[in-house]
Amino acid sequence: MKYVAFLRGINVGGKNKIKMETLREMFSALDYENVKSYINSGNVIFETRKTNDKKLAAKIETATLVSGYKSNRFNCLESSTSDFCN
């Protein structure tokens, strides 16, 4: 299943800076596949088996906090179309 994670407040106004390479590596370390970031926004597209969206978001949020990054708001949404973010 394809998902998109929106990490709000990342790389905004010179605060909560994170390199997208680092963010992609973080998602890959969580065993997500086909991890891609969208510009320098903190938005990440990835694939994993279908799971509960809230549990998925909590797992990612924990990983970002452990790594020292704090998102103002965090959402993780399942893609509903086959051509999402292609």
PDB file of N, CA and C in Angstrom:
ATOM      1  N   MET A   1       0.846  -1.166   0.000  1.00  0.00           N
ATOM      2  CA  MET A   1       0.000   0.000   0.000  1.00  0.00           C
ATOM      3  C   MET A   1       0.896   1.235   0.000  1.00  0.00           C
ATOM      4  N   LYS A   2       0.534   2.235  -0.749  1.00  0.00           N
ATOM      5  CA  LYS A   2       1.308   3.472  -0.826  1.00  0.00           C
ATOM      6  C   LYS A   2       0.718   4.495   0.146  1.00  0.00           C
ATOM      7  N   TYR A   3       1.615   5.169   0.871  1.00  0.00           N
ATOM      8  CA  TYR A   3       1.223   6.189   1.855  1.00  0.00           C
ATOM      9  C   TYR A   3       2.000   7.464   1.610  1.00  0.00           C
ATOM     10  N   VAL A   4       1.474   8.554   2.155  1.00  0.00           N
ATOM     11  CA  VAL A   4       2.224   9.807   2.181  1.00  0.00           C
ATOM     12  C   VAL A   4       2.193  10.326   3.616  1.00  0.00           C
ATOM     13  N   ALA A   5       3.354  10.723   4.101  1.00  0.00           N
ATOM     14  CA  ALA A   5       3.465  11.291   5.446  1.00  0.00           C
ATOM     15  C   ALA A   5       3.731  12.785   5.307  1.00  0.00           C
ATOM     16  N   PHE A   6       2.962  13.577   6.029  1.00  0.00           N
ATOM     17  CA  PHE A   6       3.118  15.029   6.032  1.00  0.00           C
ATOM     18  C   PHE A   6       3.672  15.448   7.392  1.00  0.00           C
ATOM     19  N   LEU A   7       4.916  15.857   7.432  1.00  0.00           N
ATOM     20  CA  LEU A   7       5.525  16.326   8.666  1.00  0.00           C
ATOM     21  C   LEU A   7       5.530  17.849   8.620  1.00  0.00           C
ATOM     22  N   ARG A   8       4.633  18.470   9.300  1.00  0.00           N
ATOM     23  CA  ARG A   8       4.488  19.921   9.268  1.00  0.00           C
ATOM     24  C   ARG A   8       5.484  20.582  10.218  1.00  0.00           C
ATOM     25  N   GLY A   9       6.010  21.715   9.795  1.00  0.00           N
ATOM     26  CA  GLY A   9       6.948  22.454  10.629  1.00  0.00           C
ATOM     27  C   GLY A   9       8.388  22.014  10.433  1.00  0.00           C
ATOM     28  N   ILE A  10       8.632  21.132   9.488  1.00  0.00           N
ATOM     29  CA  ILE A  10       9.989  20.685   9.182  1.00  0.00           C
ATOM     30  C   ILE A  10      10.569  21.639   8.134  1.00  0.00           C
ATOM     31  N   ASN A  11      11.790  22.112   8.338  1.00  0.00           N
ATOM     32  CA  ASN A  11      12.493  22.992   7.398  1.00  0.00           C
ATOM     33  C   ASN A  11      11.718  24.274   7.094  1.00  0.00           C
ATOM     34  N   VAL A  12      11.085  24.831   8.095  1.00  0.00           N
ATOM     35  CA  VAL A  12      10.339  26.087   7.924  1.00  0.00           C
ATOM     36  C   VAL A  12      11.034  27.177   8.734  1.00  0.00           C
ATOM     37  N   GLY A  13      11.352  28.262   8.090  1.00  0.00           N
ATOM     38  CA  GLY A  13      11.973  29.401   8.775  1.00  0.00           C
ATOM     39  C   GLY A  13      13.310  29.071   9.416  1.00  0.00           C
ATOM     40  N   GLY A  14      14.025  28.107   8.853  1.00  0.00           N
ATOM     41  CA  GLY A  14      15.338  27.754   9.381  1.00  0.00           C
ATOM     42  C   GLY A  14      15.303  26.926  10.651  1.00  0.00           C
ATOM     43  N   LYS A  15      14.105  26.453  11.036  1.00  0.00           N
ATOM     44  CA  LYS A  15      13.971  25.645  12.257  1.00  0.00           C
ATOM     45  C   LYS A  15      13.594  24.215  11.898  1.00  0.00           C
ATOM     46  N   ASN A  16      13.897  23.306  12.824  1.00  0.00           N
ATOM     47  CA  ASN A  16      13.606  21.885  12.607  1.00  0.00           C
ATOM     48  C   ASN A  16      14.174  21.401  11.276  1.00  0.00           C
ATOM     49  N   LYS A  17      15.395  21.802  11.007  1.00  0.00           N
ATOM     50  CA  LYS A  17      16.022  21.439   9.743  1.00  0.00           C
ATOM     51  C   LYS A  17      16.398  19.964   9.741  1.00  0.00           C
ATOM     52  N   ILE A  18      16.053  19.318   8.644  1.00  0.00           N
ATOM     53  CA  ILE A  18      16.431  17.931   8.427  1.00  0.00           C
ATOM     54  C   ILE A  18      16.682  17.746   6.938  1.00  0.00           C
ATOM     55  N   LYS A  19      17.767  17.100   6.600  1.00  0.00           N
ATOM     56  CA  LYS A  19      18.049  16.807   5.200  1.00  0.00           C
ATOM     57  C   LYS A  19      17.082  15.731   4.738  1.00  0.00           C
ATOM     58  N   MET A  20      16.608  15.875   3.525  1.00  0.00           N
ATOM     59  CA  MET A  20      15.661  14.890   3.000  1.00  0.00           C
ATOM     60  C   MET A  20      16.313  13.518   2.881  1.00  0.00           C
ATOM     61  N   GLU A  21      17.602  13.478   2.622  1.00  0.00           N
ATOM     62  CA  GLU A  21      18.321  12.201   2.589  1.00  0.00           C
ATOM     63  C   GLU A  21      18.224  11.509   3.948  1.00  0.00           C
ATOM     64  N   THR A  22      18.405  12.275   5.012  1.00  0.00           N
ATOM     65  CA  THR A  22      18.307  11.734   6.370  1.00  0.00           C
ATOM     66  C   THR A  22      16.893  11.250   6.655  1.00  0.00           C
ATOM     67  N   LEU A  23      15.907  12.014   6.220  1.00  0.00           N
ATOM     68  CA  LEU A  23      14.515  11.636   6.429  1.00  0.00           C
ATOM     69  C   LEU A  23      14.185  10.354   5.664  1.00  0.00           C
ATOM     70  N   ARG A  24      14.650  10.246   4.427  1.00  0.00           N
ATOM     71  CA  ARG A  24      14.424   9.014   3.647  1.00  0.00           C
ATOM     72  C   ARG A  24      15.090   7.817   4.314  1.00  0.00           C
ATOM     73  N   GLU A  25      16.300   8.007   4.819  1.00  0.00           N
ATOM     74  CA  GLU A  25      17.002   6.922   5.519  1.00  0.00           C
ATOM     75  C   GLU A  25      16.237   6.498   6.766  1.00  0.00           C
ATOM     76  N   MET A  26      15.657   7.470   7.467  1.00  0.00           N
ATOM     77  CA  MET A  26      14.879   7.179   8.670  1.00  0.00           C
ATOM     78  C   MET A  26      13.679   6.296   8.322  1.00  0.00           C
ATOM     79  N   PHE A  27      12.983   6.629   7.238  1.00  0.00           N
ATOM     80  CA  PHE A  27      11.825   5.843   6.808  1.00  0.00           C
ATOM     81  C   PHE A  27      12.261   4.454   6.339  1.00  0.00           C
ATOM     82  N   SER A  28      13.373   4.381   5.637  1.00  0.00           N
ATOM     83  CA  SER A  28      13.884   3.086   5.186  1.00  0.00           C
ATOM     84  C   SER A  28      14.255   2.204   6.373  1.00  0.00           C
ATOM     85  N   ALA A  29      14.811   2.800   7.421  1.00  0.00           N
ATOM     86  CA  ALA A  29      15.174   2.049   8.629  1.00  0.00           C
ATOM     87  C   ALA A  29      13.940   1.489   9.336  1.00  0.00           C
ATOM     88  N   LEU A  30      12.770   2.088   9.068  1.00  0.00           N
ATOM     89  CA  LEU A  30      11.515   1.576   9.635  1.00  0.00           C
ATOM     90  C   LEU A  30      10.936   0.463   8.763  1.00  0.00           C
ATOM     91  N   ASP A  31      11.724   0.014   7.782  1.00  0.00           N
ATOM     92  CA  ASP A  31      11.353  -1.061   6.852  1.00  0.00           C
ATOM     93  C   ASP A  31      10.265  -0.662   5.866  1.00  0.00           C
ATOM     94  N   TYR A  32      10.175   0.622   5.541  1.00  0.00           N
ATOM     95  CA  TYR A  32       9.268   1.068   4.494  1.00  0.00           C
ATOM     96  C   TYR A  32      10.016   0.994   3.172  1.00  0.00           C
ATOM     97  N   GLU A  33       9.290   0.782   2.100  1.00  0.00           N
ATOM     98  CA  GLU A  33       9.904   0.593   0.791  1.00  0.00           C
ATOM     99  C   GLU A  33       9.592   1.755  -0.136  1.00  0.00           C
ATOM    100  N   ASN A  34      10.404   1.872  -1.193  1.00  0.00           N
ATOM    101  CA  ASN A  34      10.206   2.896  -2.228  1.00  0.00           C
ATOM    102  C   ASN A  34      10.012   4.285  -1.618  1.00  0.00           C
ATOM    103  N   VAL A  35      10.869   4.620  -0.683  1.00  0.00           N
ATOM    104  CA  VAL A  35      10.780   5.885   0.047  1.00  0.00           C
ATOM    105  C   VAL A  35      11.264   7.034  -0.834  1.00  0.00           C
ATOM    106  N   LYS A  36      10.417   8.066  -0.945  1.00  0.00           N
ATOM    107  CA  LYS A  36      10.758   9.264  -1.715  1.00  0.00           C
ATOM    108  C   LYS A  36      10.326  10.482  -0.912  1.00  0.00           C
ATOM    109  N   SER A  37      11.087  11.542  -1.013  1.00  0.00           N
ATOM    110  CA  SER A  37      10.682  12.794  -0.365  1.00  0.00           C
ATOM    111  C   SER A  37      10.271  13.779  -1.445  1.00  0.00           C
ATOM    112  N   TYR A  38       9.461  14.727  -1.054  1.00  0.00           N
ATOM    113  CA  TYR A  38       9.005  15.751  -1.988  1.00  0.00           C
ATOM    114  C   TYR A  38       9.680  17.072  -1.628  1.00  0.00           C
ATOM    115  N   ILE A  39      10.481  17.562  -2.502  1.00  0.00           N
ATOM    116  CA  ILE A  39      11.333  18.739  -2.320  1.00  0.00           C
ATOM    117  C   ILE A  39      11.909  18.757  -0.908  1.00  0.00           C
ATOM    118  N   ASN A  40      11.973  19.894  -0.272  1.00  0.00           N
ATOM    119  CA  ASN A  40      12.564  20.007   1.059  1.00  0.00           C
ATOM    120  C   ASN A  40      11.458  20.272   2.082  1.00  0.00           C
ATOM    121  N   SER A  41      10.324  19.590   1.905  1.00  0.00           N
ATOM    122  CA  SER A  41       9.097  19.933   2.623  1.00  0.00           C
ATOM    123  C   SER A  41       8.812  19.103   3.868  1.00  0.00           C
ATOM    124  N   GLY A  42       9.469  17.956   4.002  1.00  0.00           N
ATOM    125  CA  GLY A  42       9.104  17.054   5.087  1.00  0.00           C
ATOM    126  C   GLY A  42       7.985  16.112   4.694  1.00  0.00           C
ATOM    127  N   ASN A  43       7.579  16.120   3.432  1.00  0.00           N
ATOM    128  CA  ASN A  43       6.576  15.187   2.937  1.00  0.00           C
ATOM    129  C   ASN A  43       7.290  13.975   2.362  1.00  0.00           C
ATOM    130  N   VAL A  44       6.833  12.780   2.742  1.00  0.00           N
ATOM    131  CA  VAL A  44       7.498  11.550   2.335  1.00  0.00           C
ATOM    132  C   VAL A  44       6.460  10.579   1.788  1.00  0.00           C
ATOM    133  N   ILE A  45       6.763   9.999   0.629  1.00  0.00           N
ATOM    134  CA  ILE A  45       5.925   8.979   0.025  1.00  0.00           C
ATOM    135  C   ILE A  45       6.637   7.648   0.241  1.00  0.00           C
ATOM    136  N   PHE A  46       5.899   6.625   0.628  1.00  0.00           N
ATOM    137  CA  PHE A  46       6.517   5.333   0.895  1.00  0.00           C
ATOM    138  C   PHE A  46       5.482   4.229   0.766  1.00  0.00           C
ATOM    139  N   GLU A  47       5.961   2.996   0.761  1.00  0.00           N
ATOM    140  CA  GLU A  47       5.081   1.834   0.681  1.00  0.00           C
ATOM    141  C   GLU A  47       5.337   0.901   1.853  1.00  0.00           C
ATOM    142  N   THR A  48       4.271   0.269   2.294  1.00  0.00           N
ATOM    143  CA  THR A  48       4.338  -0.744   3.344  1.00  0.00           C
ATOM    144  C   THR A  48       3.060  -1.576   3.267  1.00  0.00           C
ATOM    145  N   ARG A  49       3.021  -2.680   3.993  1.00  0.00           N
ATOM    146  CA  ARG A  49       1.774  -3.435   4.014  1.00  0.00           C
ATOM    147  C   ARG A  49       0.694  -2.564   4.631  1.00  0.00           C
ATOM    148  N   LYS A  50      -0.532  -2.836   4.244  1.00  0.00           N
ATOM    149  CA  LYS A  50      -1.641  -2.061   4.793  1.00  0.00           C
ATOM    150  C   LYS A  50      -1.645  -2.210   6.307  1.00  0.00           C
ATOM    151  N   THR A  51      -1.847  -1.110   6.981  1.00  0.00           N
ATOM    152  CA  THR A  51      -1.840  -1.102   8.434  1.00  0.00           C
ATOM    153  C   THR A  51      -2.774  -0.006   8.931  1.00  0.00           C
ATOM    154  N   ASN A  52      -2.924   0.078  10.195  1.00  0.00           N
ATOM    155  CA  ASN A  52      -3.732   1.126  10.808  1.00  0.00           C
ATOM    156  C   ASN A  52      -2.996   2.460  10.667  1.00  0.00           C
ATOM    157  N   ASP A  53      -3.653   3.451  10.058  1.00  0.00           N
ATOM    158  CA  ASP A  53      -3.002   4.738   9.800  1.00  0.00           C
ATOM    159  C   ASP A  53      -2.497   5.408  11.076  1.00  0.00           C
ATOM    160  N   LYS A  54      -3.260   5.309  12.164  1.00  0.00           N
ATOM    161  CA  LYS A  54      -2.843   5.956  13.416  1.00  0.00           C
ATOM    162  C   LYS A  54      -1.608   5.287  13.999  1.00  0.00           C
ATOM    163  N   LYS A  55      -1.531   3.966  13.914  1.00  0.00           N
ATOM    164  CA  LYS A  55      -0.348   3.254  14.410  1.00  0.00           C
ATOM    165  C   LYS A  55       0.866   3.577  13.550  1.00  0.00           C
ATOM    166  N   LEU A  56       0.649   3.660  12.259  1.00  0.00           N
ATOM    167  CA  LEU A  56       1.719   4.005  11.342  1.00  0.00           C
ATOM    168  C   LEU A  56       2.257   5.401  11.654  1.00  0.00           C
ATOM    169  N   ALA A  57       1.361   6.357  11.831  1.00  0.00           N
ATOM    170  CA  ALA A  57       1.758   7.732  12.149  1.00  0.00           C
ATOM    171  C   ALA A  57       2.503   7.790  13.479  1.00  0.00           C
ATOM    172  N   ALA A  58       2.034   7.040  14.463  1.00  0.00           N
ATOM    173  CA  ALA A  58       2.697   7.037  15.775  1.00  0.00           C
ATOM    174  C   ALA A  58       4.114   6.488  15.679  1.00  0.00           C
ATOM    175  N   LYS A  59       4.304   5.440  14.883  1.00  0.00           N
ATOM    176  CA  LYS A  59       5.632   4.838  14.709  1.00  0.00           C
ATOM    177  C   LYS A  59       6.597   5.841  14.069  1.00  0.00           C
ATOM    178  N   ILE A  60       6.120   6.554  13.058  1.00  0.00           N
ATOM    179  CA  ILE A  60       6.967   7.539  12.374  1.00  0.00           C
ATOM    180  C   ILE A  60       7.239   8.734  13.282  1.00  0.00           C
ATOM    181  N   GLU A  61       6.222   9.186  13.980  1.00  0.00           N
ATOM    182  CA  GLU A  61       6.407  10.321  14.877  1.00  0.00           C
ATOM    183  C   GLU A  61       7.421   9.987  15.963  1.00  0.00           C
ATOM    184  N   THR A  62       7.359   8.787  16.521  1.00  0.00           N
ATOM    185  CA  THR A  62       8.332   8.360  17.531  1.00  0.00           C
ATOM    186  C   THR A  62       9.738   8.367  16.951  1.00  0.00           C
ATOM    187  N   ALA A  63       9.890   7.856  15.740  1.00  0.00           N
ATOM    188  CA  ALA A  63      11.214   7.815  15.107  1.00  0.00           C
ATOM    189  C   ALA A  63      11.764   9.220  14.880  1.00  0.00           C
ATOM    190  N   THR A  64      10.913  10.164  14.493  1.00  0.00           N
ATOM    191  CA  THR A  64      11.394  11.531  14.273  1.00  0.00           C
ATOM    192  C   THR A  64      11.763  12.196  15.588  1.00  0.00           C
ATOM    193  N   LEU A  65      11.003  11.945  16.629  1.00  0.00           N
ATOM    194  CA  LEU A  65      11.313  12.529  17.942  1.00  0.00           C
ATOM    195  C   LEU A  65      12.616  11.974  18.497  1.00  0.00           C
ATOM    196  N   VAL A  66      12.816  10.664  18.363  1.00  0.00           N
ATOM    197  CA  VAL A  66      14.047  10.024  18.839  1.00  0.00           C
ATOM    198  C   VAL A  66      15.244  10.616  18.103  1.00  0.00           C
ATOM    199  N   SER A  67      15.047  10.963  16.836  1.00  0.00           N
ATOM    200  CA  SER A  67      16.126  11.546  16.043  1.00  0.00           C
ATOM    201  C   SER A  67      16.312  13.042  16.292  1.00  0.00           C
ATOM    202  N   GLY A  68      15.454  13.620  17.134  1.00  0.00           N
ATOM    203  CA  GLY A  68      15.628  15.014  17.519  1.00  0.00           C
ATOM    204  C   GLY A  68      14.824  16.012  16.715  1.00  0.00           C
ATOM    205  N   TYR A  69      13.853  15.546  15.959  1.00  0.00           N
ATOM    206  CA  TYR A  69      13.035  16.446  15.145  1.00  0.00           C
ATOM    207  C   TYR A  69      11.623  16.483  15.698  1.00  0.00           C
ATOM    208  N   LYS A  70      11.058  17.668  15.721  1.00  0.00           N
ATOM    209  CA  LYS A  70       9.713  17.850  16.255  1.00  0.00           C
ATOM    210  C   LYS A  70       8.841  18.456  15.173  1.00  0.00           C
ATOM    211  N   SER A  71       7.823  17.738  14.779  1.00  0.00           N
ATOM    212  CA  SER A  71       6.877  18.250  13.801  1.00  0.00           C
ATOM    213  C   SER A  71       5.742  18.941  14.544  1.00  0.00           C
ATOM    214  N   ASN A  72       5.277  20.077  14.020  1.00  0.00           N
ATOM    215  CA  ASN A  72       4.149  20.780  14.633  1.00  0.00           C
ATOM    216  C   ASN A  72       2.871  19.967  14.538  1.00  0.00           C
ATOM    217  N   ARG A  73       2.729  19.270  13.443  1.00  0.00           N
ATOM    218  CA  ARG A  73       1.554  18.433  13.215  1.00  0.00           C
ATOM    219  C   ARG A  73       1.983  17.306  12.305  1.00  0.00           C
ATOM    220  N   PHE A  74       1.430  16.139  12.504  1.00  0.00           N
ATOM    221  CA  PHE A  74       1.866  14.978  11.754  1.00  0.00           C
ATOM    222  C   PHE A  74       0.656  14.227  11.244  1.00  0.00           C
ATOM    223  N   ASN A  75       0.641  13.918   9.954  1.00  0.00           N
ATOM    224  CA  ASN A  75      -0.424  13.127   9.355  1.00  0.00           C
ATOM    225  C   ASN A  75       0.181  12.080   8.453  1.00  0.00           C
ATOM    226  N   CYS A  76      -0.475  10.942   8.370  1.00  0.00           N
ATOM    227  CA  CYS A  76      -0.063   9.894   7.457  1.00  0.00           C
ATOM    228  C   CYS A  76      -1.321   9.379   6.784  1.00  0.00           C
ATOM    229  N   LEU A  77      -1.377   9.476   5.467  1.00  0.00           N
ATOM    230  CA  LEU A  77      -2.586   9.119   4.742  1.00  0.00           C
ATOM    231  C   LEU A  77      -2.305   8.045   3.713  1.00  0.00           C
ATOM    232  N   GLU A  78      -3.247   7.133   3.576  1.00  0.00           N
ATOM    233  CA  GLU A  78      -3.159   6.079   2.580  1.00  0.00           C
ATOM    234  C   GLU A  78      -3.540   6.654   1.234  1.00  0.00           C
ATOM    235  N   SER A  79      -2.815   6.241   0.200  1.00  0.00           N
ATOM    236  CA  SER A  79      -3.157   6.647  -1.147  1.00  0.00           C
ATOM    237  C   SER A  79      -4.401   5.914  -1.589  1.00  0.00           C
ATOM    238  N   SER A  80      -5.301   6.616  -2.257  1.00  0.00           N
ATOM    239  CA  SER A  80      -6.519   5.978  -2.734  1.00  0.00           C
ATOM    240  C   SER A  80      -6.517   5.768  -4.241  1.00  0.00           C
ATOM    241  N   THR A  81      -5.439   6.168  -4.913  1.00  0.00           N
ATOM    242  CA  THR A  81      -5.355   5.974  -6.354  1.00  0.00           C
ATOM    243  C   THR A  81      -4.039   5.318  -6.712  1.00  0.00           C
ATOM    244  N   SER A  82      -4.061   4.583  -7.799  1.00  0.00           N
ATOM    245  CA  SER A  82      -2.850   3.851  -8.199  1.00  0.00           C
ATOM    246  C   SER A  82      -1.757   4.766  -8.721  1.00  0.00           C
ATOM    247  N   ASP A  83      -2.100   5.962  -9.184  1.00  0.00           N
ATOM    248  CA  ASP A  83      -1.078   6.850  -9.733  1.00  0.00           C
ATOM    249  C   ASP A  83      -0.680   7.957  -8.769  1.00  0.00           C
ATOM    250  N   PHE A  84      -0.957   7.794  -7.507  1.00  0.00           N
ATOM    251  CA  PHE A  84      -0.643   8.782  -6.492  1.00  0.00           C
ATOM    252  C   PHE A  84       0.847   9.037  -6.434  1.00  0.00           C
ATOM    253  N   CYS A  85       1.228  10.274  -6.596  1.00  0.00           N
ATOM    254  CA  CYS A  85       2.623  10.724  -6.465  1.00  0.00           C
ATOM    255  C   CYS A  85       3.578  10.022  -7.422  1.00  0.00           C
ATOM    256  N   ASN A  86       3.119   9.619  -8.566  1.00  0.00           N
ATOM    257  CA  ASN A  86       4.034   9.014  -9.558  1.00  0.00           C
ATOM    258  C   ASN A  86       4.665  10.087 -10.404  1.00  0.00           C
TER     259      ASN A  86
END
